[in-house]
Protein backbone atom coordinates (compact mmCIF):
# COMPACT_ATOMS: atom_id res chain seq x y z
CA MET A 1 61.64 117.49 128.78
CA PRO A 2 62.88 120.02 129.46
CA SER A 3 64.74 120.85 126.29
CA PRO A 4 65.06 124.66 126.20
CA ASN A 5 67.50 124.66 123.27
CA TRP A 6 65.17 122.74 120.92
CA PRO A 7 64.56 124.94 117.83
CA ALA A 8 61.35 126.96 118.16
CA ASP A 9 60.33 126.22 114.57
CA VAL A 10 60.55 122.42 114.91
CA ILE A 11 57.79 120.25 116.38
CA LYS A 12 58.99 118.18 119.35
CA ASN A 13 59.45 114.56 118.37
CA GLU A 14 61.50 111.48 119.20
CA ASP A 15 64.72 113.27 118.27
CA CYS A 16 64.23 115.68 121.17
CA TRP A 17 66.06 114.70 124.34
CA THR A 18 65.98 116.22 127.80
CA ASP A 19 68.81 118.69 128.38
CA VAL A 20 70.81 116.88 131.08
CA GLU A 21 72.89 119.89 132.11
CA TYR A 22 69.83 122.11 132.32
CA CYS A 23 68.16 119.58 134.62
CA LYS A 24 71.22 119.43 136.86
CA GLN A 25 71.46 123.23 137.05
CA ASN A 26 67.76 123.54 137.94
CA SER A 27 67.47 120.50 140.25
CA LEU A 28 64.99 118.77 137.95
CA TRP A 29 65.82 115.29 139.18
CA TYR A 30 62.80 113.37 137.89
CA PRO A 31 63.28 114.13 134.18
CA LEU A 32 67.04 113.80 134.63
CA SER A 33 66.73 110.31 136.13
CA LYS A 34 64.36 109.13 133.39
CA THR A 35 66.67 110.47 130.69
CA LEU A 36 69.80 108.93 132.18
CA ALA A 37 68.00 105.60 132.57
CA GLU A 38 66.89 105.62 128.93
CA LYS A 39 70.36 106.58 127.72
CA ALA A 40 71.81 103.70 129.77
CA ALA A 41 69.30 101.32 128.19
CA TRP A 42 70.28 102.45 124.69
CA GLU A 43 73.98 102.06 125.49
CA PHE A 44 73.41 98.60 127.00
CA SER A 45 71.36 97.51 123.97
CA LYS A 46 74.14 98.68 121.65
CA GLU A 47 76.80 96.80 123.62
CA LYS A 48 74.75 93.59 123.77
CA GLY A 49 73.17 93.75 120.32
CA LEU A 50 69.64 93.98 121.65
CA ASP A 51 66.64 95.31 119.76
CA VAL A 52 65.16 97.98 122.02
CA VAL A 53 61.98 99.92 121.36
CA VAL A 54 61.00 102.69 123.77
CA VAL A 55 57.64 104.26 124.63
CA ASN A 56 58.03 107.76 126.07
CA PRO A 57 54.72 108.75 127.67
CA GLY A 58 53.89 112.32 128.58
CA THR A 59 51.64 113.33 131.46
CA VAL A 60 49.91 110.04 132.29
CA MET A 61 46.40 110.42 133.71
CA GLY A 62 43.09 108.64 133.86
CA PRO A 63 41.25 106.59 136.46
CA VAL A 64 43.26 106.01 139.62
CA ILE A 65 44.27 102.34 139.73
CA SER A 66 46.85 102.38 142.53
CA PRO A 67 46.62 103.47 146.16
CA VAL A 68 49.20 106.22 145.55
CA LEU A 69 48.91 108.95 142.92
CA ASN A 70 51.58 109.26 140.25
CA GLY A 71 53.28 112.63 139.68
CA SER A 72 50.95 113.57 136.83
CA MET A 73 47.86 112.99 138.92
CA VAL A 74 49.38 114.92 141.84
CA MET A 75 49.90 117.83 139.42
CA LEU A 76 46.19 117.66 138.50
CA VAL A 77 45.12 117.56 142.16
CA ARG A 78 47.32 120.58 142.90
CA LEU A 79 45.77 122.43 139.95
CA LEU A 80 42.25 121.66 141.20
CA GLN A 81 43.34 123.04 144.58
CA GLY A 82 44.42 126.33 142.97
CA CYS A 83 48.16 125.82 142.37
CA THR A 84 49.54 128.51 140.06
CA GLU A 85 52.72 126.69 138.94
CA THR A 86 53.12 127.13 135.17
CA TYR A 87 55.64 124.33 134.50
CA GLN A 88 57.46 126.70 132.18
CA ASP A 89 60.14 124.19 131.19
CA PHE A 90 57.69 121.53 130.06
CA PHE A 91 55.11 121.11 127.33
CA MET A 92 51.82 119.41 128.03
CA GLY A 93 51.55 116.00 126.45
CA SER A 94 48.68 114.35 128.22
CA VAL A 95 48.02 110.68 127.65
CA HIS A 96 45.50 108.25 129.09
CA PHE A 97 47.10 105.34 130.96
CA LYS A 98 45.12 102.96 128.72
CA ASP A 99 46.87 104.42 125.69
CA VAL A 100 50.27 103.99 127.35
CA ALA A 101 49.49 100.32 127.95
CA LEU A 102 48.21 99.91 124.39
CA ALA A 103 51.32 101.65 122.99
CA HIS A 104 53.52 99.07 124.73
CA ILE A 105 51.49 96.23 123.23
CA ILE A 106 51.58 97.80 119.76
CA VAL A 107 55.36 98.28 119.68
CA TYR A 108 55.92 94.82 121.17
CA GLU A 109 53.73 93.08 118.60
CA ASN A 110 54.80 95.14 115.58
CA PRO A 111 58.18 94.12 114.09
CA SER A 112 58.40 97.42 112.20
CA ALA A 113 58.42 99.42 115.46
CA THR A 114 61.91 100.77 116.06
CA GLY A 115 63.57 103.37 118.25
CA ARG A 116 61.77 105.85 120.45
CA HIS A 117 58.00 106.49 120.36
CA MET A 118 56.56 109.65 121.85
CA CYS A 119 53.28 108.73 123.54
CA VAL A 120 51.06 111.82 123.87
CA GLU A 121 47.60 112.67 122.56
CA ALA A 122 48.90 116.10 121.48
CA ILE A 123 51.65 118.59 122.18
CA SER A 124 50.22 121.70 123.76
CA TYR A 125 50.89 124.36 126.33
CA TYR A 126 50.24 123.66 130.00
CA GLY A 127 47.98 126.74 129.78
CA ASP A 128 45.82 124.88 127.23
CA PHE A 129 45.42 122.03 129.69
CA VAL A 130 44.58 124.40 132.56
CA ALA A 131 41.96 126.17 130.43
CA LYS A 132 40.33 122.84 129.53
CA VAL A 133 40.22 121.72 133.18
CA ALA A 134 38.66 125.09 134.12
CA GLU A 135 36.08 124.76 131.34
CA LEU A 136 35.11 121.21 132.36
CA TYR A 137 35.17 121.82 136.13
CA PRO A 138 34.15 125.43 136.84
CA GLU A 139 33.26 124.48 140.44
CA TYR A 140 36.97 124.34 141.25
CA LYS A 141 39.07 127.43 141.73
CA ILE A 142 41.35 126.83 138.77
CA PRO A 143 43.84 129.70 138.48
CA ARG A 144 43.83 131.77 135.32
CA LEU A 145 47.19 131.12 133.74
CA PRO A 146 48.53 132.54 130.52
CA LYS A 147 47.79 130.30 127.56
CA ASP A 148 51.38 130.66 126.36
CA THR A 149 53.13 128.87 129.23
CA ARG A 150 55.92 127.54 126.99
CA PRO A 151 57.06 130.24 124.54
CA GLY A 152 58.32 128.88 121.25
CA LEU A 153 56.49 125.56 121.49
CA LEU A 154 54.70 124.40 118.35
CA ARG A 155 51.35 122.81 119.17
CA THR A 156 50.44 119.68 117.23
CA LYS A 157 47.94 116.84 117.30
CA ASN A 158 50.40 114.41 115.72
CA GLY A 159 53.39 114.59 118.05
CA ALA A 160 53.07 110.83 118.44
CA LYS A 161 53.00 110.22 114.69
CA LYS A 162 55.09 107.05 114.92
CA LEU A 163 52.53 105.41 117.24
CA MET A 164 49.63 106.80 115.23
CA ASP A 165 51.14 105.30 112.08
CA LEU A 166 51.16 101.94 113.92
CA GLY A 167 47.41 102.31 114.53
CA LEU A 168 47.10 103.96 117.94
CA GLU A 169 44.15 106.33 118.21
CA PHE A 170 44.63 108.46 121.30
CA ILE A 171 41.91 109.26 123.80
CA PRO A 172 41.42 113.07 123.60
CA MET A 173 42.53 115.44 126.38
CA GLU A 174 38.95 116.24 127.39
CA GLN A 175 38.19 112.56 128.11
CA ILE A 176 41.52 112.07 129.87
CA ILE A 177 40.69 114.97 132.19
CA LYS A 178 37.14 113.72 132.83
CA ASP A 179 38.31 110.18 133.61
CA ALA A 180 41.02 111.49 135.93
CA VAL A 181 38.93 114.05 137.83
CA GLU A 182 35.92 111.78 138.26
CA SER A 183 38.16 109.02 139.58
CA LEU A 184 39.91 111.43 141.97
CA LYS A 185 36.50 112.54 143.25
CA SER A 186 35.08 109.03 143.62
CA GLN A 187 38.17 107.83 145.51
CA GLY A 188 38.25 110.82 147.85
CA PHE A 189 41.49 112.43 146.64
CA ILE A 190 39.50 115.64 146.00
CA SER A 191 36.05 116.74 147.03
């Protein structure tokens, strides 16, 4: 992400790539760098005849296991502090860090795993995520954002169908949020 030219009537999947030019024009360096790195890996694997399988996680959250928060957890902290950013160029694909780790094991151990694997518990609007955080944690001043924060996006629970077909059962968004917020509270990142 972002991929603003992806057809509105097609569910995002592994065929969807970040729009490199769009990222450059809008100074979206993080998704640009990840995309260019993956493209370089695919090119290198083609040149060297390597079998590469990729796991593309979405917004990775859960208990804090490092002394520094990742970008996804910083986004959650900012939301809990009242940030009104709508992340209009991105869909919400939350995923528990345990599922990201398990996805890597699954594709490594499964010879039938090939290509790219989207790793998200669902594809939804950022507004859906914000509403769920507000529902679970009404004590925080979560801003009211429009539910439709990514016009044209098709919501789905099986955006990660390739990993699901390999046996991965994703932790649901509600539990991801609870694990993340409770960990942030217990470690003093939020009060």
